[in-house]
Amino acid sequence: MTDRTDITGTVTDIDGHPNLVLTRTFAARAADVWRELTESARLERWIGRWEGDPSTGHVAFFMTAEDDEAPPEEYTILECDPPRRFAGDTSAATGSWHLWFELIEKGEATLLVFGQRLNPEDEVGSIGPGWEFYLDRLMAVHKGRDAATVAWSAYFPALQPAYQRLVAGG
């Protein structure tokens, strides 16, 4: 894959906080996409896995796409409304992130709206390309392809300037 220059993310104010919002459309029902985003074995194919009991409101998340030996991040589940909406917070070890997604069925297709609340210290120039990369890995595995066919080098630093411009005025 060659370097990309187009971005799908926008920065939107939600409840008085800036959020980086990205979308993807799947040729599948929301319940199928929900499983890709919430079942540990499916998540591990494109980003990482979780361990623990989600009914407690906490799981340990391992970002194995970056490192097979990734240390766990505590993840607090704030909202879980299958197959429609999910929200949660990561632990402070990496600078606490509030992540969320919504699934909107449109006939036989489903729109994924994925977001991250931005903290003042967050570097959108690397966060934006990162989520583009991971969401494209999700799309690849959902279509039956190996996530490794999506190359990080096509996203960063290629998309960094566009994401920096996105928040420069804001």
C-alpha atoms as a PDB file:
ATOM      1  CA  MET A   1       0.000   0.000   0.000  1.00  0.00           C
ATOM      2  CA  THR A   2       1.293   3.467  -0.778  1.00  0.00           C
ATOM      3  CA  ASP A   3       1.168   6.371   1.627  1.00  0.00           C
ATOM      4  CA  ARG A   4      -2.269   7.843   2.147  1.00  0.00           C
ATOM      5  CA  THR A   5      -3.011  11.544   2.297  1.00  0.00           C
ATOM      6  CA  ASP A   6      -6.770  11.433   2.891  1.00  0.00           C
ATOM      7  CA  ILE A   7      -8.155  11.310   6.411  1.00  0.00           C
ATOM      8  CA  THR A   8     -11.572  10.165   7.567  1.00  0.00           C
ATOM      9  CA  GLY A   9     -11.424  11.768  11.004  1.00  0.00           C
ATOM     10  CA  THR A  10     -13.018  14.980  12.180  1.00  0.00           C
ATOM     11  CA  VAL A  11     -12.887  16.796  15.491  1.00  0.00           C
ATOM     12  CA  THR A  12     -16.350  17.364  16.929  1.00  0.00           C
ATOM     13  CA  ASP A  13     -17.494  18.957  20.166  1.00  0.00           C
ATOM     14  CA  ILE A  14     -19.494  16.479  22.254  1.00  0.00           C
ATOM     15  CA  ASP A  15     -20.766  17.594  25.654  1.00  0.00           C
ATOM     16  CA  GLY A  16     -18.235  20.421  25.742  1.00  0.00           C
ATOM     17  CA  HIS A  17     -15.237  18.208  24.916  1.00  0.00           C
ATOM     18  CA  PRO A  18     -13.409  17.834  21.608  1.00  0.00           C
ATOM     19  CA  ASN A  19     -13.645  14.302  20.217  1.00  0.00           C
ATOM     20  CA  LEU A  20     -11.775  12.738  17.343  1.00  0.00           C
ATOM     21  CA  VAL A  21     -14.469  10.912  15.345  1.00  0.00           C
ATOM     22  CA  LEU A  22     -13.869   8.402  12.533  1.00  0.00           C
ATOM     23  CA  THR A  23     -16.348   6.307  10.567  1.00  0.00           C
ATOM     24  CA  ARG A  24     -16.335   3.066   8.629  1.00  0.00           C
ATOM     25  CA  THR A  25     -19.180   1.284   6.825  1.00  0.00           C
ATOM     26  CA  PHE A  26     -19.521  -2.490   6.978  1.00  0.00           C
ATOM     27  CA  ALA A  27     -21.573  -4.699   4.681  1.00  0.00           C
ATOM     28  CA  ALA A  28     -22.936  -6.500   7.740  1.00  0.00           C
ATOM     29  CA  ARG A  29     -25.551  -6.242  10.441  1.00  0.00           C
ATOM     30  CA  ALA A  30     -24.728  -4.334  13.629  1.00  0.00           C
ATOM     31  CA  ALA A  31     -24.634  -7.542  15.699  1.00  0.00           C
ATOM     32  CA  ASP A  32     -21.834  -8.906  13.497  1.00  0.00           C
ATOM     33  CA  VAL A  33     -19.805  -5.706  13.750  1.00  0.00           C
ATOM     34  CA  TRP A  34     -20.441  -5.594  17.505  1.00  0.00           C
ATOM     35  CA  ARG A  35     -18.754  -8.993  17.870  1.00  0.00           C
ATOM     36  CA  GLU A  36     -15.692  -7.737  15.951  1.00  0.00           C
ATOM     37  CA  LEU A  37     -15.414  -4.860  18.429  1.00  0.00           C
ATOM     38  CA  THR A  38     -16.190  -6.642  21.699  1.00  0.00           C
ATOM     39  CA  GLU A  39     -15.310 -10.357  21.574  1.00  0.00           C
ATOM     40  CA  SER A  40     -11.752 -10.874  22.783  1.00  0.00           C
ATOM     41  CA  ALA A  41     -10.792 -13.488  20.175  1.00  0.00           C
ATOM     42  CA  ARG A  42     -12.084 -11.297  17.337  1.00  0.00           C
ATOM     43  CA  LEU A  43     -10.453  -8.145  18.730  1.00  0.00           C
ATOM     44  CA  GLU A  44      -7.113  -9.903  18.873  1.00  0.00           C
ATOM     45  CA  ARG A  45      -7.155 -10.384  15.115  1.00  0.00           C
ATOM     46  CA  TRP A  46      -6.818  -6.618  14.552  1.00  0.00           C
ATOM     47  CA  ILE A  47      -5.825  -4.754  17.752  1.00  0.00           C
ATOM     48  CA  GLY A  48      -5.589  -6.780  20.965  1.00  0.00           C
ATOM     49  CA  ARG A  49      -7.436  -8.880  23.499  1.00  0.00           C
ATOM     50  CA  TRP A  50      -9.089  -8.435  26.847  1.00  0.00           C
ATOM     51  CA  GLU A  51      -9.134 -10.657  29.908  1.00  0.00           C
ATOM     52  CA  GLY A  52     -11.414 -10.601  32.905  1.00  0.00           C
ATOM     53  CA  ASP A  53     -15.127 -10.415  33.591  1.00  0.00           C
ATOM     54  CA  PRO A  54     -16.806  -7.500  31.781  1.00  0.00           C
ATOM     55  CA  SER A  55     -19.799  -7.744  34.114  1.00  0.00           C
ATOM     56  CA  THR A  56     -17.582  -6.233  36.857  1.00  0.00           C
ATOM     57  CA  GLY A  57     -17.156  -3.099  34.728  1.00  0.00           C
ATOM     58  CA  HIS A  58     -13.415  -3.671  34.322  1.00  0.00           C
ATOM     59  CA  VAL A  59     -11.216  -5.753  32.049  1.00  0.00           C
ATOM     60  CA  ALA A  60      -7.495  -5.892  31.320  1.00  0.00           C
ATOM     61  CA  PHE A  61      -6.751  -4.949  27.708  1.00  0.00           C
ATOM     62  CA  PHE A  62      -3.573  -6.098  25.954  1.00  0.00           C
ATOM     63  CA  MET A  63      -2.634  -4.114  22.819  1.00  0.00           C
ATOM     64  CA  THR A  64      -1.050  -7.149  21.151  1.00  0.00           C
ATOM     65  CA  ALA A  65      -1.102  -5.663  17.637  1.00  0.00           C
ATOM     66  CA  GLU A  66       1.849  -3.517  18.705  1.00  0.00           C
ATOM     67  CA  ASP A  67       3.643  -6.057  20.895  1.00  0.00           C
ATOM     68  CA  ASP A  68       2.832  -9.694  21.678  1.00  0.00           C
ATOM     69  CA  GLU A  69       4.111  -9.050  25.208  1.00  0.00           C
ATOM     70  CA  ALA A  70       2.126  -5.830  25.708  1.00  0.00           C
ATOM     71  CA  PRO A  71       1.439  -5.038  29.357  1.00  0.00           C
ATOM     72  CA  PRO A  72      -2.232  -4.855  30.309  1.00  0.00           C
ATOM     73  CA  GLU A  73      -4.158  -1.589  30.524  1.00  0.00           C
ATOM     74  CA  GLU A  74      -7.087  -1.448  32.904  1.00  0.00           C
ATOM     75  CA  TYR A  75     -10.224  -0.616  30.974  1.00  0.00           C
ATOM     76  CA  THR A  76     -13.317   0.672  32.754  1.00  0.00           C
ATOM     77  CA  ILE A  77     -16.571  -0.051  30.943  1.00  0.00           C
ATOM     78  CA  LEU A  78     -18.875   2.947  31.296  1.00  0.00           C
ATOM     79  CA  GLU A  79     -21.609   2.025  28.841  1.00  0.00           C
ATOM     80  CA  CYS A  80     -22.445  -1.205  27.050  1.00  0.00           C
ATOM     81  CA  ASP A  81     -25.657  -1.341  25.020  1.00  0.00           C
ATOM     82  CA  PRO A  82     -25.298  -4.217  22.513  1.00  0.00           C
ATOM     83  CA  PRO A  83     -25.284  -3.943  19.571  1.00  0.00           C
ATOM     84  CA  ARG A  84     -25.599  -0.182  19.587  1.00  0.00           C
ATOM     85  CA  ARG A  85     -23.197   1.705  21.860  1.00  0.00           C
ATOM     86  CA  PHE A  86     -20.082   1.188  23.960  1.00  0.00           C
ATOM     87  CA  ALA A  87     -17.937   3.606  25.984  1.00  0.00           C
ATOM     88  CA  GLY A  88     -15.044   3.174  28.342  1.00  0.00           C
ATOM     89  CA  ASP A  89     -11.879   4.648  29.812  1.00  0.00           C
ATOM     90  CA  THR A  90      -8.352   3.311  29.750  1.00  0.00           C
ATOM     91  CA  SER A  91      -6.185   3.475  32.845  1.00  0.00           C
ATOM     92  CA  ALA A  92      -3.878   6.414  33.444  1.00  0.00           C
ATOM     93  CA  ALA A  93      -0.720   4.483  32.499  1.00  0.00           C
ATOM     94  CA  THR A  94      -0.882   5.857  28.959  1.00  0.00           C
ATOM     95  CA  GLY A  95      -2.678   9.080  29.805  1.00  0.00           C
ATOM     96  CA  SER A  96      -6.284   7.934  30.270  1.00  0.00           C
ATOM     97  CA  TRP A  97      -8.325   7.843  27.086  1.00  0.00           C
ATOM     98  CA  HIS A  98     -12.121   7.929  26.818  1.00  0.00           C
ATOM     99  CA  LEU A  99     -13.084   5.757  23.832  1.00  0.00           C
ATOM    100  CA  TRP A 100     -16.555   5.078  22.467  1.00  0.00           C
ATOM    101  CA  PHE A 101     -18.365   3.752  19.452  1.00  0.00           C
ATOM    102  CA  GLU A 102     -21.854   3.621  18.040  1.00  0.00           C
ATOM    103  CA  LEU A 103     -23.222   1.221  15.448  1.00  0.00           C
ATOM    104  CA  ILE A 104     -26.007   2.482  13.194  1.00  0.00           C
ATOM    105  CA  GLU A 105     -27.764   0.014  10.917  1.00  0.00           C
ATOM    106  CA  LYS A 106     -28.540   1.270   7.441  1.00  0.00           C
ATOM    107  CA  GLY A 107     -30.410  -1.559   5.733  1.00  0.00           C
ATOM    108  CA  GLU A 108     -27.987  -4.474   5.384  1.00  0.00           C
ATOM    109  CA  ALA A 109     -25.005  -2.234   6.175  1.00  0.00           C
ATOM    110  CA  THR A 110     -23.758  -0.815   9.465  1.00  0.00           C
ATOM    111  CA  LEU A 111     -22.056   2.504  10.068  1.00  0.00           C
ATOM    112  CA  LEU A 112     -19.402   2.464  12.777  1.00  0.00           C
ATOM    113  CA  VAL A 113     -18.889   5.853  14.426  1.00  0.00           C
ATOM    114  CA  PHE A 114     -15.760   5.593  16.566  1.00  0.00           C
ATOM    115  CA  GLY A 115     -14.537   8.334  18.863  1.00  0.00           C
ATOM    116  CA  GLN A 116     -11.882   9.350  21.325  1.00  0.00           C
ATOM    117  CA  ARG A 117     -12.332  12.307  23.656  1.00  0.00           C
ATOM    118  CA  LEU A 118      -9.262  14.499  23.242  1.00  0.00           C
ATOM    119  CA  ASN A 119      -7.273  15.694  26.225  1.00  0.00           C
ATOM    120  CA  PRO A 120      -5.334  18.973  25.897  1.00  0.00           C
ATOM    121  CA  GLU A 121      -2.008  17.108  25.838  1.00  0.00           C
ATOM    122  CA  ASP A 122      -3.081  14.561  23.194  1.00  0.00           C
ATOM    123  CA  GLU A 123      -1.063  14.566  19.970  1.00  0.00           C
ATOM    124  CA  VAL A 124      -3.731  14.227  17.273  1.00  0.00           C
ATOM    125  CA  GLY A 125      -0.994  14.042  14.640  1.00  0.00           C
ATOM    126  CA  SER A 126      -0.219  10.522  15.835  1.00  0.00           C
ATOM    127  CA  ILE A 127      -3.565   9.518  17.368  1.00  0.00           C
ATOM    128  CA  GLY A 128      -5.529  10.146  14.147  1.00  0.00           C
ATOM    129  CA  PRO A 129      -3.257   8.057  11.905  1.00  0.00           C
ATOM    130  CA  GLY A 130      -3.247   5.359  14.591  1.00  0.00           C
ATOM    131  CA  TRP A 131      -7.015   5.010  14.594  1.00  0.00           C
ATOM    132  CA  GLU A 132      -7.142   5.116  10.774  1.00  0.00           C
ATOM    133  CA  PHE A 133      -4.654   2.224  10.797  1.00  0.00           C
ATOM    134  CA  TYR A 134      -6.523   0.145  13.385  1.00  0.00           C
ATOM    135  CA  LEU A 135      -9.940   0.713  11.859  1.00  0.00           C
ATOM    136  CA  ASP A 136      -8.580  -0.313   8.453  1.00  0.00           C
ATOM    137  CA  ARG A 137      -7.133  -3.452  10.088  1.00  0.00           C
ATOM    138  CA  LEU A 138     -10.624  -4.108  11.494  1.00  0.00           C
ATOM    139  CA  MET A 139     -12.117  -3.682   8.011  1.00  0.00           C
ATOM    140  CA  ALA A 140      -9.500  -6.075   6.569  1.00  0.00           C
ATOM    141  CA  VAL A 141     -10.184  -8.902   9.037  1.00  0.00           C
ATOM    142  CA  HIS A 142     -13.926  -8.398   8.737  1.00  0.00           C
ATOM    143  CA  LYS A 143     -13.530  -8.970   4.989  1.00  0.00           C
ATOM    144  CA  GLY A 144     -11.473 -12.125   5.625  1.00  0.00           C
ATOM    145  CA  ARG A 145      -8.025 -10.634   5.004  1.00  0.00           C
ATOM    146  CA  ASP A 146      -5.005 -10.774   7.292  1.00  0.00           C
ATOM    147  CA  ALA A 147      -4.619  -7.558   9.315  1.00  0.00           C
ATOM    148  CA  ALA A 148      -0.898  -7.631   8.477  1.00  0.00           C
ATOM    149  CA  THR A 149      -1.795  -6.580   4.918  1.00  0.00           C
ATOM    150  CA  VAL A 150      -2.466  -3.100   6.375  1.00  0.00           C
ATOM    151  CA  ALA A 151       0.949  -1.431   6.748  1.00  0.00           C
ATOM    152  CA  TRP A 152       1.551   1.189   9.448  1.00  0.00           C
ATOM    153  CA  SER A 153       4.041   2.942   7.153  1.00  0.00           C
ATOM    154  CA  ALA A 154       1.140   3.938   4.877  1.00  0.00           C
ATOM    155  CA  TYR A 155      -0.475   5.886   7.736  1.00  0.00           C
ATOM    156  CA  PHE A 156       2.344   7.461   9.687  1.00  0.00           C
ATOM    157  CA  PRO A 157       3.857   9.889   9.023  1.00  0.00           C
ATOM    158  CA  ALA A 158       1.775  10.278   5.823  1.00  0.00           C
ATOM    159  CA  LEU A 159      -1.444  11.313   7.615  1.00  0.00           C
ATOM    160  CA  GLN A 160       0.230  13.275  10.401  1.00  0.00           C
ATOM    161  CA  PRO A 161       0.163  16.707   8.679  1.00  0.00           C
ATOM    162  CA  ALA A 162      -3.542  16.418   7.797  1.00  0.00           C
ATOM    163  CA  TYR A 163      -4.438  15.561  11.386  1.00  0.00           C
ATOM    164  CA  GLN A 164      -2.271  18.372  12.721  1.00  0.00           C
ATOM    165  CA  ARG A 165      -4.044  20.809  10.382  1.00  0.00           C
ATOM    166  CA  LEU A 166      -7.395  19.451  11.549  1.00  0.00           C
ATOM    167  CA  VAL A 167      -6.797  20.717  15.074  1.00  0.00           C
ATOM    168  CA  ALA A 168      -4.497  23.669  14.334  1.00  0.00           C
ATOM    169  CA  GLY A 169      -7.317  26.202  14.393  1.00  0.00           C
ATOM    170  CA  GLY A 170      -9.134  24.617  17.238  1.00  0.00           C
END
